[in-house]
Amino acid sequence: ENNENTTKHTEVFCDRRRPCITLPGPDR
């Protein structure tokens, strides 16, 4: 919560060493 430096889009890091996905949400 209170996250300011978000991009508008989902980011999917397709790295077999550490797959990660980061998703935007409303209200920061």
mmCIF file of all heavy atoms, coordinates in Angstrom:
data_MODEL
# 
_entry.id   MODEL 
# 
loop_
_atom_site.group_PDB 
_atom_site.id 
_atom_site.type_symbol 
_atom_site.label_atom_id 
_atom_site.label_alt_id 
_atom_site.label_comp_id 
_atom_site.label_asym_id 
_atom_site.label_entity_id 
_atom_site.label_seq_id 
_atom_site.pdbx_PDB_ins_code 
_atom_site.Cartn_x 
_atom_site.Cartn_y 
_atom_site.Cartn_z 
_atom_site.occupancy 
_atom_site.B_iso_or_equiv 
_atom_site.pdbx_formal_charge 
_atom_site.auth_seq_id 
_atom_site.auth_comp_id 
_atom_site.auth_asym_id 
_atom_site.auth_atom_id 
_atom_site.pdbx_PDB_model_num 
ATOM 1   N N   . GLU A 1 1  ? 0.843  -1.187  0.000   1.00 0.00 ? 1  GLU A N   1 
ATOM 2   C CA  . GLU A 1 1  ? 0.000  0.000   0.000   1.00 0.00 ? 1  GLU A CA  1 
ATOM 3   C C   . GLU A 1 1  ? 0.879  1.238   0.000   1.00 0.00 ? 1  GLU A C   1 
ATOM 4   O O   . GLU A 1 1  ? 2.058  1.180   0.359   1.00 0.00 ? 1  GLU A O   1 
ATOM 5   C CB  . GLU A 1 1  ? -0.929 -0.002  1.222   1.00 0.00 ? 1  GLU A CB  1 
ATOM 6   C CG  . GLU A 1 1  ? -1.941 -1.143  1.211   1.00 0.00 ? 1  GLU A CG  1 
ATOM 7   C CD  . GLU A 1 1  ? -2.828 -1.148  2.430   1.00 0.00 ? 1  GLU A CD  1 
ATOM 8   O OE1 . GLU A 1 1  ? -2.456 -0.496  3.431   1.00 0.00 ? 1  GLU A OE1 1 
ATOM 9   O OE2 . GLU A 1 1  ? -3.889 -1.796  2.401   1.00 0.00 ? 1  GLU A OE2 1 
ATOM 10  N N   . ASN A 1 2  ? 0.295  2.369   -0.435  1.00 0.00 ? 2  ASN A N   1 
ATOM 11  C CA  . ASN A 1 2  ? 1.042  3.637   -0.520  1.00 0.00 ? 2  ASN A CA  1 
ATOM 12  C C   . ASN A 1 2  ? 2.293  3.478   -1.378  1.00 0.00 ? 2  ASN A C   1 
ATOM 13  O O   . ASN A 1 2  ? 3.364  3.991   -1.059  1.00 0.00 ? 2  ASN A O   1 
ATOM 14  C CB  . ASN A 1 2  ? 1.423  4.140   0.879   1.00 0.00 ? 2  ASN A CB  1 
ATOM 15  C CG  . ASN A 1 2  ? 0.207  4.365   1.745   1.00 0.00 ? 2  ASN A CG  1 
ATOM 16  O OD1 . ASN A 1 2  ? -0.796 4.898   1.271   1.00 0.00 ? 2  ASN A OD1 1 
ATOM 17  N ND2 . ASN A 1 2  ? 0.275  3.961   3.003   1.00 0.00 ? 2  ASN A ND2 1 
ATOM 18  N N   . ASN A 1 3  ? 2.122  2.774   -2.476  1.00 0.00 ? 3  ASN A N   1 
ATOM 19  C CA  . ASN A 1 3  ? 3.229  2.510   -3.414  1.00 0.00 ? 3  ASN A CA  1 
ATOM 20  C C   . ASN A 1 3  ? 3.184  3.570   -4.524  1.00 0.00 ? 3  ASN A C   1 
ATOM 21  O O   . ASN A 1 3  ? 2.204  3.659   -5.264  1.00 0.00 ? 3  ASN A O   1 
ATOM 22  C CB  . ASN A 1 3  ? 3.063  1.113   -4.007  1.00 0.00 ? 3  ASN A CB  1 
ATOM 23  C CG  . ASN A 1 3  ? 4.256  0.715   -4.855  1.00 0.00 ? 3  ASN A CG  1 
ATOM 24  O OD1 . ASN A 1 3  ? 5.282  0.344   -4.328  1.00 0.00 ? 3  ASN A OD1 1 
ATOM 25  N ND2 . ASN A 1 3  ? 4.112  0.801   -6.170  1.00 0.00 ? 3  ASN A ND2 1 
ATOM 26  N N   . GLU A 1 4  ? 4.234  4.390   -4.651  1.00 0.00 ? 4  GLU A N   1 
ATOM 27  C CA  . GLU A 1 4  ? 4.208  5.541   -5.549  1.00 0.00 ? 4  GLU A CA  1 
ATOM 28  C C   . GLU A 1 4  ? 4.842  5.304   -6.916  1.00 0.00 ? 4  GLU A C   1 
ATOM 29  O O   . GLU A 1 4  ? 4.440  5.926   -7.890  1.00 0.00 ? 4  GLU A O   1 
ATOM 30  C CB  . GLU A 1 4  ? 4.918  6.730   -4.876  1.00 0.00 ? 4  GLU A CB  1 
ATOM 31  C CG  . GLU A 1 4  ? 4.242  7.219   -3.617  1.00 0.00 ? 4  GLU A CG  1 
ATOM 32  C CD  . GLU A 1 4  ? 2.931  7.944   -3.901  1.00 0.00 ? 4  GLU A CD  1 
ATOM 33  O OE1 . GLU A 1 4  ? 2.592  8.121   -5.081  1.00 0.00 ? 4  GLU A OE1 1 
ATOM 34  O OE2 . GLU A 1 4  ? 2.250  8.330   -2.933  1.00 0.00 ? 4  GLU A OE2 1 
ATOM 35  N N   . ASN A 1 5  ? 5.824  4.432   -7.010  1.00 0.00 ? 5  ASN A N   1 
ATOM 36  C CA  . ASN A 1 5  ? 6.605  4.360   -8.252  1.00 0.00 ? 5  ASN A CA  1 
ATOM 37  C C   . ASN A 1 5  ? 6.094  3.262   -9.186  1.00 0.00 ? 5  ASN A C   1 
ATOM 38  O O   . ASN A 1 5  ? 6.861  2.590   -9.852  1.00 0.00 ? 5  ASN A O   1 
ATOM 39  C CB  . ASN A 1 5  ? 8.084  4.137   -7.942  1.00 0.00 ? 5  ASN A CB  1 
ATOM 40  C CG  . ASN A 1 5  ? 8.352  2.774   -7.311  1.00 0.00 ? 5  ASN A CG  1 
ATOM 41  O OD1 . ASN A 1 5  ? 7.454  2.143   -6.789  1.00 0.00 ? 5  ASN A OD1 1 
ATOM 42  N ND2 . ASN A 1 5  ? 9.610  2.335   -7.374  1.00 0.00 ? 5  ASN A ND2 1 
ATOM 43  N N   . THR A 1 6  ? 4.787  3.088   -9.257  1.00 0.00 ? 6  THR A N   1 
ATOM 44  C CA  . THR A 1 6  ? 4.230  2.009   -10.064 1.00 0.00 ? 6  THR A CA  1 
ATOM 45  C C   . THR A 1 6  ? 4.104  2.423   -11.525 1.00 0.00 ? 6  THR A C   1 
ATOM 46  O O   . THR A 1 6  ? 3.812  3.575   -11.844 1.00 0.00 ? 6  THR A O   1 
ATOM 47  C CB  . THR A 1 6  ? 2.842  1.616   -9.554  1.00 0.00 ? 6  THR A CB  1 
ATOM 48  O OG1 . THR A 1 6  ? 1.988  2.765   -9.610  1.00 0.00 ? 6  THR A OG1 1 
ATOM 49  C CG2 . THR A 1 6  ? 2.905  1.114   -8.126  1.00 0.00 ? 6  THR A CG2 1 
ATOM 50  N N   . THR A 1 7  ? 4.333  1.456   -12.392 1.00 0.00 ? 7  THR A N   1 
ATOM 51  C CA  . THR A 1 7  ? 3.955  1.613   -13.784 1.00 0.00 ? 7  THR A CA  1 
ATOM 52  C C   . THR A 1 7  ? 2.484  1.255   -13.922 1.00 0.00 ? 7  THR A C   1 
ATOM 53  O O   . THR A 1 7  ? 1.922  0.566   -13.063 1.00 0.00 ? 7  THR A O   1 
ATOM 54  C CB  . THR A 1 7  ? 4.797  0.703   -14.687 1.00 0.00 ? 7  THR A CB  1 
ATOM 55  O OG1 . THR A 1 7  ? 4.293  0.787   -16.035 1.00 0.00 ? 7  THR A OG1 1 
ATOM 56  C CG2 . THR A 1 7  ? 4.713  -0.752  -14.248 1.00 0.00 ? 7  THR A CG2 1 
ATOM 57  N N   . LYS A 1 8  ? 1.859  1.715   -14.971 1.00 0.00 ? 8  LYS A N   1 
ATOM 58  C CA  . LYS A 1 8  ? 0.437  1.425   -15.185 1.00 0.00 ? 8  LYS A CA  1 
ATOM 59  C C   . LYS A 1 8  ? 0.209  -0.050  -15.439 1.00 0.00 ? 8  LYS A C   1 
ATOM 60  O O   . LYS A 1 8  ? -0.873 -0.578  -15.161 1.00 0.00 ? 8  LYS A O   1 
ATOM 61  C CB  . LYS A 1 8  ? -0.071 2.255   -16.366 1.00 0.00 ? 8  LYS A CB  1 
ATOM 62  C CG  . LYS A 1 8  ? -1.497 1.949   -16.770 1.00 0.00 ? 8  LYS A CG  1 
ATOM 63  C CD  . LYS A 1 8  ? -1.908 2.751   -17.991 1.00 0.00 ? 8  LYS A CD  1 
ATOM 64  C CE  . LYS A 1 8  ? -3.331 2.402   -18.421 1.00 0.00 ? 8  LYS A CE  1 
ATOM 65  N NZ  . LYS A 1 8  ? -3.765 3.165   -19.616 1.00 0.00 ? 8  LYS A NZ  1 
ATOM 66  N N   . HIS A 1 9  ? 1.216  -0.743  -15.970 1.00 0.00 ? 9  HIS A N   1 
ATOM 67  C CA  . HIS A 1 9  ? 1.009  -2.097  -16.464 1.00 0.00 ? 9  HIS A CA  1 
ATOM 68  C C   . HIS A 1 9  ? 1.532  -3.162  -15.497 1.00 0.00 ? 9  HIS A C   1 
ATOM 69  O O   . HIS A 1 9  ? 2.349  -2.888  -14.614 1.00 0.00 ? 9  HIS A O   1 
ATOM 70  C CB  . HIS A 1 9  ? 1.702  -2.264  -17.817 1.00 0.00 ? 9  HIS A CB  1 
ATOM 71  C CG  . HIS A 1 9  ? 1.204  -1.308  -18.861 1.00 0.00 ? 9  HIS A CG  1 
ATOM 72  N ND1 . HIS A 1 9  ? -0.082 -1.351  -19.345 1.00 0.00 ? 9  HIS A ND1 1 
ATOM 73  C CD2 . HIS A 1 9  ? 1.821  -0.285  -19.499 1.00 0.00 ? 9  HIS A CD2 1 
ATOM 74  C CE1 . HIS A 1 9  ? -0.235 -0.383  -20.252 1.00 0.00 ? 9  HIS A CE1 1 
ATOM 75  N NE2 . HIS A 1 9  ? 0.888  0.271   -20.357 1.00 0.00 ? 9  HIS A NE2 1 
ATOM 76  N N   . THR A 1 10 ? 1.048  -4.364  -15.719 1.00 0.00 ? 10 THR A N   1 
ATOM 77  C CA  . THR A 1 10 ? 1.637  -5.530  -15.066 1.00 0.00 ? 10 THR A CA  1 
ATOM 78  C C   . THR A 1 10 ? 3.023  -5.778  -15.669 1.00 0.00 ? 10 THR A C   1 
ATOM 79  O O   . THR A 1 10 ? 3.214  -5.634  -16.882 1.00 0.00 ? 10 THR A O   1 
ATOM 80  C CB  . THR A 1 10 ? 0.752  -6.766  -15.284 1.00 0.00 ? 10 THR A CB  1 
ATOM 81  O OG1 . THR A 1 10 ? -0.466 -6.595  -14.569 1.00 0.00 ? 10 THR A OG1 1 
ATOM 82  C CG2 . THR A 1 10 ? 1.432  -8.036  -14.813 1.00 0.00 ? 10 THR A CG2 1 
ATOM 83  N N   . GLU A 1 11 ? 3.972  -6.146  -14.826 1.00 0.00 ? 11 GLU A N   1 
ATOM 84  C CA  . GLU A 1 11 ? 5.311  -6.508  -15.297 1.00 0.00 ? 11 GLU A CA  1 
ATOM 85  C C   . GLU A 1 11 ? 5.552  -7.977  -14.950 1.00 0.00 ? 11 GLU A C   1 
ATOM 86  O O   . GLU A 1 11 ? 5.372  -8.383  -13.800 1.00 0.00 ? 11 GLU A O   1 
ATOM 87  C CB  . GLU A 1 11 ? 6.371  -5.631  -14.658 1.00 0.00 ? 11 GLU A CB  1 
ATOM 88  C CG  . GLU A 1 11 ? 6.269  -4.163  -15.073 1.00 0.00 ? 11 GLU A CG  1 
ATOM 89  C CD  . GLU A 1 11 ? 7.329  -3.313  -14.423 1.00 0.00 ? 11 GLU A CD  1 
ATOM 90  O OE1 . GLU A 1 11 ? 7.442  -3.338  -13.178 1.00 0.00 ? 11 GLU A OE1 1 
ATOM 91  O OE2 . GLU A 1 11 ? 8.075  -2.624  -15.154 1.00 0.00 ? 11 GLU A OE2 1 
ATOM 92  N N   . VAL A 1 12 ? 5.968  -8.742  -15.962 1.00 0.00 ? 12 VAL A N   1 
ATOM 93  C CA  . VAL A 1 12 ? 6.198  -10.175 -15.786 1.00 0.00 ? 12 VAL A CA  1 
ATOM 94  C C   . VAL A 1 12 ? 7.670  -10.446 -16.072 1.00 0.00 ? 12 VAL A C   1 
ATOM 95  O O   . VAL A 1 12 ? 8.136  -10.275 -17.200 1.00 0.00 ? 12 VAL A O   1 
ATOM 96  C CB  . VAL A 1 12 ? 5.310  -11.008 -16.728 1.00 0.00 ? 12 VAL A CB  1 
ATOM 97  C CG1 . VAL A 1 12 ? 5.473  -12.495 -16.415 1.00 0.00 ? 12 VAL A CG1 1 
ATOM 98  C CG2 . VAL A 1 12 ? 3.844  -10.599 -16.611 1.00 0.00 ? 12 VAL A CG2 1 
ATOM 99  N N   . PHE A 1 13 ? 8.400  -10.859 -15.043 1.00 0.00 ? 13 PHE A N   1 
ATOM 100 C CA  . PHE A 1 13 ? 9.830  -11.137 -15.160 1.00 0.00 ? 13 PHE A CA  1 
ATOM 101 C C   . PHE A 1 13 ? 10.012 -12.641 -15.371 1.00 0.00 ? 13 PHE A C   1 
ATOM 102 O O   . PHE A 1 13 ? 9.920  -13.429 -14.425 1.00 0.00 ? 13 PHE A O   1 
ATOM 103 C CB  . PHE A 1 13 ? 10.565 -10.651 -13.913 1.00 0.00 ? 13 PHE A CB  1 
ATOM 104 C CG  . PHE A 1 13 ? 10.423 -9.173  -13.685 1.00 0.00 ? 13 PHE A CG  1 
ATOM 105 C CD1 . PHE A 1 13 ? 9.476  -8.688  -12.806 1.00 0.00 ? 13 PHE A CD1 1 
ATOM 106 C CD2 . PHE A 1 13 ? 11.222 -8.268  -14.376 1.00 0.00 ? 13 PHE A CD2 1 
ATOM 107 C CE1 . PHE A 1 13 ? 9.338  -7.324  -12.595 1.00 0.00 ? 13 PHE A CE1 1 
ATOM 108 C CE2 . PHE A 1 13 ? 11.097 -6.911  -14.180 1.00 0.00 ? 13 PHE A CE2 1 
ATOM 109 C CZ  . PHE A 1 13 ? 10.141 -6.425  -13.288 1.00 0.00 ? 13 PHE A CZ  1 
ATOM 110 N N   . CYS A 1 14 ? 10.255 -13.021 -16.621 1.00 0.00 ? 14 CYS A N   1 
ATOM 111 C CA  . CYS A 1 14 ? 10.309 -14.435 -17.010 1.00 0.00 ? 14 CYS A CA  1 
ATOM 112 C C   . CYS A 1 14 ? 11.739 -14.954 -16.861 1.00 0.00 ? 14 CYS A C   1 
ATOM 113 O O   . CYS A 1 14 ? 12.397 -15.326 -17.846 1.00 0.00 ? 14 CYS A O   1 
ATOM 114 C CB  . CYS A 1 14 ? 9.786  -14.605 -18.429 1.00 0.00 ? 14 CYS A CB  1 
ATOM 115 S SG  . CYS A 1 14 ? 8.135  -13.926 -18.685 1.00 0.00 ? 14 CYS A SG  1 
ATOM 116 N N   . ASP A 1 15 ? 12.195 -14.952 -15.648 1.00 0.00 ? 15 ASP A N   1 
ATOM 117 C CA  . ASP A 1 15 ? 13.552 -15.359 -15.314 1.00 0.00 ? 15 ASP A CA  1 
ATOM 118 C C   . ASP A 1 15 ? 13.454 -16.680 -14.562 1.00 0.00 ? 15 ASP A C   1 
ATOM 119 O O   . ASP A 1 15 ? 12.904 -16.743 -13.463 1.00 0.00 ? 15 ASP A O   1 
ATOM 120 C CB  . ASP A 1 15 ? 14.196 -14.285 -14.439 1.00 0.00 ? 15 ASP A CB  1 
ATOM 121 C CG  . ASP A 1 15 ? 15.659 -14.579 -14.114 1.00 0.00 ? 15 ASP A CG  1 
ATOM 122 O OD1 . ASP A 1 15 ? 16.107 -15.721 -14.360 1.00 0.00 ? 15 ASP A OD1 1 
ATOM 123 O OD2 . ASP A 1 15 ? 16.326 -13.663 -13.602 1.00 0.00 ? 15 ASP A OD2 1 
ATOM 124 N N   . ARG A 1 16 ? 14.001 -17.751 -15.147 1.00 0.00 ? 16 ARG A N   1 
ATOM 125 C CA  . ARG A 1 16 ? 13.853 -19.066 -14.527 1.00 0.00 ? 16 ARG A CA  1 
ATOM 126 C C   . ARG A 1 16 ? 14.486 -19.122 -13.139 1.00 0.00 ? 16 ARG A C   1 
ATOM 127 O O   . ARG A 1 16 ? 14.127 -19.957 -12.317 1.00 0.00 ? 16 ARG A O   1 
ATOM 128 C CB  . ARG A 1 16 ? 14.462 -20.144 -15.428 1.00 0.00 ? 16 ARG A CB  1 
ATOM 129 C CG  . ARG A 1 16 ? 15.967 -20.069 -15.585 1.00 0.00 ? 16 ARG A CG  1 
ATOM 130 C CD  . ARG A 1 16 ? 16.492 -21.128 -16.530 1.00 0.00 ? 16 ARG A CD  1 
ATOM 131 N NE  . ARG A 1 16 ? 17.941 -21.069 -16.658 1.00 0.00 ? 16 ARG A NE  1 
ATOM 132 C CZ  . ARG A 1 16 ? 18.796 -21.697 -15.853 1.00 0.00 ? 16 ARG A CZ  1 
ATOM 133 N NH1 . ARG A 1 16 ? 18.330 -22.432 -14.861 1.00 0.00 ? 16 ARG A NH1 1 
ATOM 134 N NH2 . ARG A 1 16 ? 20.103 -21.587 -16.028 1.00 0.00 ? 16 ARG A NH2 1 
ATOM 135 N N   . ARG A 1 17 ? 15.429 -18.197 -12.861 1.00 0.00 ? 17 ARG A N   1 
ATOM 136 C CA  . ARG A 1 17 ? 16.069 -18.184 -11.539 1.00 0.00 ? 17 ARG A CA  1 
ATOM 137 C C   . ARG A 1 17 ? 15.122 -17.639 -10.460 1.00 0.00 ? 17 ARG A C   1 
ATOM 138 O O   . ARG A 1 17 ? 15.227 -18.014 -9.295  1.00 0.00 ? 17 ARG A O   1 
ATOM 139 C CB  . ARG A 1 17 ? 17.340 -17.339 -11.585 1.00 0.00 ? 17 ARG A CB  1 
ATOM 140 C CG  . ARG A 1 17 ? 18.408 -17.895 -12.528 1.00 0.00 ? 17 ARG A CG  1 
ATOM 141 C CD  . ARG A 1 17 ? 19.503 -16.888 -12.757 1.00 0.00 ? 17 ARG A CD  1 
ATOM 142 N NE  . ARG A 1 17 ? 18.990 -15.672 -13.387 1.00 0.00 ? 17 ARG A NE  1 
ATOM 143 C CZ  . ARG A 1 17 ? 19.744 -14.631 -13.734 1.00 0.00 ? 17 ARG A CZ  1 
ATOM 144 N NH1 . ARG A 1 17 ? 21.056 -14.657 -13.483 1.00 0.00 ? 17 ARG A NH1 1 
ATOM 145 N NH2 . ARG A 1 17 ? 19.212 -13.569 -14.313 1.00 0.00 ? 17 ARG A NH2 1 
ATOM 146 N N   . ARG A 1 18 ? 14.198 -16.739 -10.858 1.00 0.00 ? 18 ARG A N   1 
ATOM 147 C CA  . ARG A 1 18 ? 13.222 -16.205 -9.916  1.00 0.00 ? 18 ARG A CA  1 
ATOM 148 C C   . ARG A 1 18 ? 12.072 -15.570 -10.705 1.00 0.00 ? 18 ARG A C   1 
ATOM 149 O O   . ARG A 1 18 ? 12.023 -14.356 -10.895 1.00 0.00 ? 18 ARG A O   1 
ATOM 150 C CB  . ARG A 1 18 ? 13.826 -15.152 -8.991  1.00 0.00 ? 18 ARG A CB  1 
ATOM 151 C CG  . ARG A 1 18 ? 12.806 -14.542 -8.012  1.00 0.00 ? 18 ARG A CG  1 
ATOM 152 C CD  . ARG A 1 18 ? 12.395 -15.521 -6.941  1.00 0.00 ? 18 ARG A CD  1 
ATOM 153 N NE  . ARG A 1 18 ? 13.488 -15.712 -5.992  1.00 0.00 ? 18 ARG A NE  1 
ATOM 154 C CZ  . ARG A 1 18 ? 13.506 -16.704 -5.102  1.00 0.00 ? 18 ARG A CZ  1 
ATOM 155 N NH1 . ARG A 1 18 ? 12.511 -17.579 -5.060  1.00 0.00 ? 18 ARG A NH1 1 
ATOM 156 N NH2 . ARG A 1 18 ? 14.526 -16.837 -4.271  1.00 0.00 ? 18 ARG A NH2 1 
ATOM 157 N N   . PRO A 1 19 ? 11.160 -16.382 -11.217 1.00 0.00 ? 19 PRO A N   1 
ATOM 158 C CA  . PRO A 1 19 ? 10.000 -15.811 -11.898 1.00 0.00 ? 19 PRO A CA  1 
ATOM 159 C C   . PRO A 1 19 ? 9.236  -14.874 -10.953 1.00 0.00 ? 19 PRO A C   1 
ATOM 160 O O   . PRO A 1 19 ? 9.082  -15.153 -9.763  1.00 0.00 ? 19 PRO A O   1 
ATOM 161 C CB  . PRO A 1 19 ? 9.167  -17.037 -12.264 1.00 0.00 ? 19 PRO A CB  1 
ATOM 162 C CG  . PRO A 1 19 ? 10.167 -18.162 -12.311 1.00 0.00 ? 19 PRO A CG  1 
ATOM 163 C CD  . PRO A 1 19 ? 11.162 -17.853 -11.246 1.00 0.00 ? 19 PRO A CD  1 
ATOM 164 N N   . CYS A 1 20 ? 8.788  -13.767 -11.523 1.00 0.00 ? 20 CYS A N   1 
ATOM 165 C CA  . CYS A 1 20 ? 8.100  -12.761 -10.710 1.00 0.00 ? 20 CYS A CA  1 
ATOM 166 C C   . CYS A 1 20 ? 7.069  -12.050 -11.570 1.00 0.00 ? 20 CYS A C   1 
ATOM 167 O O   . CYS A 1 20 ? 7.267  -11.842 -12.778 1.00 0.00 ? 20 CYS A O   1 
ATOM 168 C CB  . CYS A 1 20 ? 9.111  -11.747 -10.165 1.00 0.00 ? 20 CYS A CB  1 
ATOM 169 S SG  . CYS A 1 20 ? 8.380  -10.244 -9.480  1.00 0.00 ? 20 CYS A SG  1 
ATOM 170 N N   . ILE A 1 21 ? 5.957  -11.672 -10.948 1.00 0.00 ? 21 ILE A N   1 
ATOM 171 C CA  . ILE A 1 21 ? 4.968  -10.833 -11.597 1.00 0.00 ? 21 ILE A CA  1 
ATOM 172 C C   . ILE A 1 21 ? 4.565  -9.750  -10.615 1.00 0.00 ? 21 ILE A C   1 
ATOM 173 O O   . ILE A 1 21 ? 4.430  -9.997  -9.415  1.00 0.00 ? 21 ILE A O   1 
ATOM 174 C CB  . ILE A 1 21 ? 3.741  -11.662 -12.062 1.00 0.00 ? 21 ILE A CB  1 
ATOM 175 C CG1 . ILE A 1 21 ? 2.715  -10.753 -12.758 1.00 0.00 ? 21 ILE A CG1 1 
ATOM 176 C CG2 . ILE A 1 21 ? 3.098  -12.405 -10.903 1.00 0.00 ? 21 ILE A CG2 1 
ATOM 177 C CD1 . ILE A 1 21 ? 1.600  -11.525 -13.439 1.00 0.00 ? 21 ILE A CD1 1 
ATOM 178 N N   . THR A 1 22 ? 4.428  -8.532  -11.114 1.00 0.00 ? 22 THR A N   1 
ATOM 179 C CA  . THR A 1 22 ? 3.993  -7.419  -10.281 1.00 0.00 ? 22 THR A CA  1 
ATOM 180 C C   . THR A 1 22 ? 2.811  -6.736  -10.962 1.00 0.00 ? 22 THR A C   1 
ATOM 181 O O   . THR A 1 22 ? 2.866  -6.420  -12.148 1.00 0.00 ? 22 THR A O   1 
ATOM 182 C CB  . THR A 1 22 ? 5.135  -6.420  -10.012 1.00 0.00 ? 22 THR A CB  1 
ATOM 183 O OG1 . THR A 1 22 ? 4.598  -5.225  -9.452  1.00 0.00 ? 22 THR A OG1 1 
ATOM 184 C CG2 . THR A 1 22 ? 5.910  -6.082  -11.268 1.00 0.00 ? 22 THR A CG2 1 
ATOM 185 N N   . LEU A 1 23 ? 1.733  -6.562  -10.203 1.00 0.00 ? 23 LEU A N   1 
ATOM 186 C CA  . LEU A 1 23 ? 0.467  -6.119  -10.770 1.00 0.00 ? 23 LEU A CA  1 
ATOM 187 C C   . LEU A 1 23 ? 0.020  -4.812  -10.139 1.00 0.00 ? 23 LEU A C   1 
ATOM 188 O O   . LEU A 1 23 ? 0.120  -4.628  -8.918  1.00 0.00 ? 23 LEU A O   1 
ATOM 189 C CB  . LEU A 1 23 ? -0.625 -7.171  -10.549 1.00 0.00 ? 23 LEU A CB  1 
ATOM 190 C CG  . LEU A 1 23 ? -0.336 -8.584  -11.048 1.00 0.00 ? 23 LEU A CG  1 
ATOM 191 C CD1 . LEU A 1 23 ? 0.143  -9.460  -9.900  1.00 0.00 ? 23 LEU A CD1 1 
ATOM 192 C CD2 . LEU A 1 23 ? -1.572 -9.201  -11.681 1.00 0.00 ? 23 LEU A CD2 1 
ATOM 193 N N   . PRO A 1 24 ? -0.525 -3.883  -10.964 1.00 0.00 ? 24 PRO A N   1 
ATOM 194 C CA  . PRO A 1 24 ? -1.008 -2.611  -10.422 1.00 0.00 ? 24 PRO A CA  1 
ATOM 195 C C   . PRO A 1 24 ? -2.329 -2.803  -9.692  1.00 0.00 ? 24 PRO A C   1 
ATOM 196 O O   . PRO A 1 24 ? -3.059 -3.769  -9.916  1.00 0.00 ? 24 PRO A O   1 
ATOM 197 C CB  . PRO A 1 24 ? -1.208 -1.759  -11.676 1.00 0.00 ? 24 PRO A CB  1 
ATOM 198 C CG  . PRO A 1 24 ? -1.556 -2.763  -12.743 1.00 0.00 ? 24 PRO A CG  1 
ATOM 199 C CD  . PRO A 1 24 ? -0.742 -3.991  -12.412 1.00 0.00 ? 24 PRO A CD  1 
ATOM 200 N N   . GLY A 1 25 ? -2.631 -1.875  -8.822  1.00 0.00 ? 25 GLY A N   1 
ATOM 201 C CA  . GLY A 1 25 ? -3.905 -1.875  -8.125  1.00 0.00 ? 25 GLY A CA  1 
ATOM 202 C C   . GLY A 1 25 ? -4.396 -0.462  -7.930  1.00 0.00 ? 25 GLY A C   1 
ATOM 203 O O   . GLY A 1 25 ? -3.646 0.504   -8.105  1.00 0.00 ? 25 GLY A O   1 
ATOM 204 N N   . PRO A 1 26 ? -5.649 -0.296  -7.553  1.00 0.00 ? 26 PRO A N   1 
ATOM 205 C CA  . PRO A 1 26 ? -6.177 1.046   -7.299  1.00 0.00 ? 26 PRO A CA  1 
ATOM 206 C C   . PRO A 1 26 ? -5.670 1.596   -5.973  1.00 0.00 ? 26 PRO A C   1 
ATOM 207 O O   . PRO A 1 26 ? -5.133 0.859   -5.136  1.00 0.00 ? 26 PRO A O   1 
ATOM 208 C CB  . PRO A 1 26 ? -7.688 0.805   -7.257  1.00 0.00 ? 26 PRO A CB  1 
ATOM 209 C CG  . PRO A 1 26 ? -7.823 -0.604  -6.788  1.00 0.00 ? 26 PRO A CG  1 
ATOM 210 C CD  . PRO A 1 26 ? -6.651 -1.346  -7.364  1.00 0.00 ? 26 PRO A CD  1 
ATOM 211 N N   . ASP A 1 27 ? -5.836 2.890   -5.808  1.00 0.00 ? 27 ASP A N   1 
ATOM 212 C CA  . ASP A 1 27 ? -5.544 3.536   -4.526  1.00 0.00 ? 27 ASP A CA  1 
ATOM 213 C C   . ASP A 1 27 ? -4.109 3.290   -4.070  1.00 0.00 ? 27 ASP A C   1 
ATOM 214 O O   . ASP A 1 27 ? -3.845 2.990   -2.907  1.00 0.00 ? 27 ASP A O   1 
ATOM 215 C CB  . ASP A 1 27 ? -6.535 3.077   -3.452  1.00 0.00 ? 27 ASP A CB  1 
ATOM 216 C CG  . ASP A 1 27 ? -7.988 3.278   -3.873  1.00 0.00 ? 27 ASP A CG  1 
ATOM 217 O OD1 . ASP A 1 27 ? -8.265 4.315   -4.490  1.00 0.00 ? 27 ASP A OD1 1 
ATOM 218 O OD2 . ASP A 1 27 ? -8.812 2.389   -3.594  1.00 0.00 ? 27 ASP A OD2 1 
ATOM 219 N N   . ARG A 1 28 ? -3.164 3.377   -5.039  1.00 0.00 ? 28 ARG A N   1 
ATOM 220 C CA  . ARG A 1 28 ? -1.722 3.282   -4.733  1.00 0.00 ? 28 ARG A CA  1 
ATOM 221 C C   . ARG A 1 28 ? -1.340 1.933   -4.133  1.00 0.00 ? 28 ARG A C   1 
ATOM 222 O O   . ARG A 1 28 ? -0.501 1.840   -3.245  1.00 0.00 ? 28 ARG A O   1 
ATOM 223 C CB  . ARG A 1 28 ? -1.309 4.426   -3.814  1.00 0.00 ? 28 ARG A CB  1 
ATOM 224 C CG  . ARG A 1 28 ? -1.500 5.804   -4.424  1.00 0.00 ? 28 ARG A CG  1 
ATOM 225 C CD  . ARG A 1 28 ? -1.519 6.886   -3.368  1.00 0.00 ? 28 ARG A CD  1 
ATOM 226 N NE  . ARG A 1 28 ? -0.276 6.914   -2.618  1.00 0.00 ? 28 ARG A NE  1 
ATOM 227 C CZ  . ARG A 1 28 ? -0.192 7.372   -1.375  1.00 0.00 ? 28 ARG A CZ  1 
ATOM 228 N NH1 . ARG A 1 28 ? -1.266 7.777   -0.740  1.00 0.00 ? 28 ARG A NH1 1 
ATOM 229 N NH2 . ARG A 1 28 ? 0.977  7.398   -0.769  1.00 0.00 ? 28 ARG A NH2 1 
# 
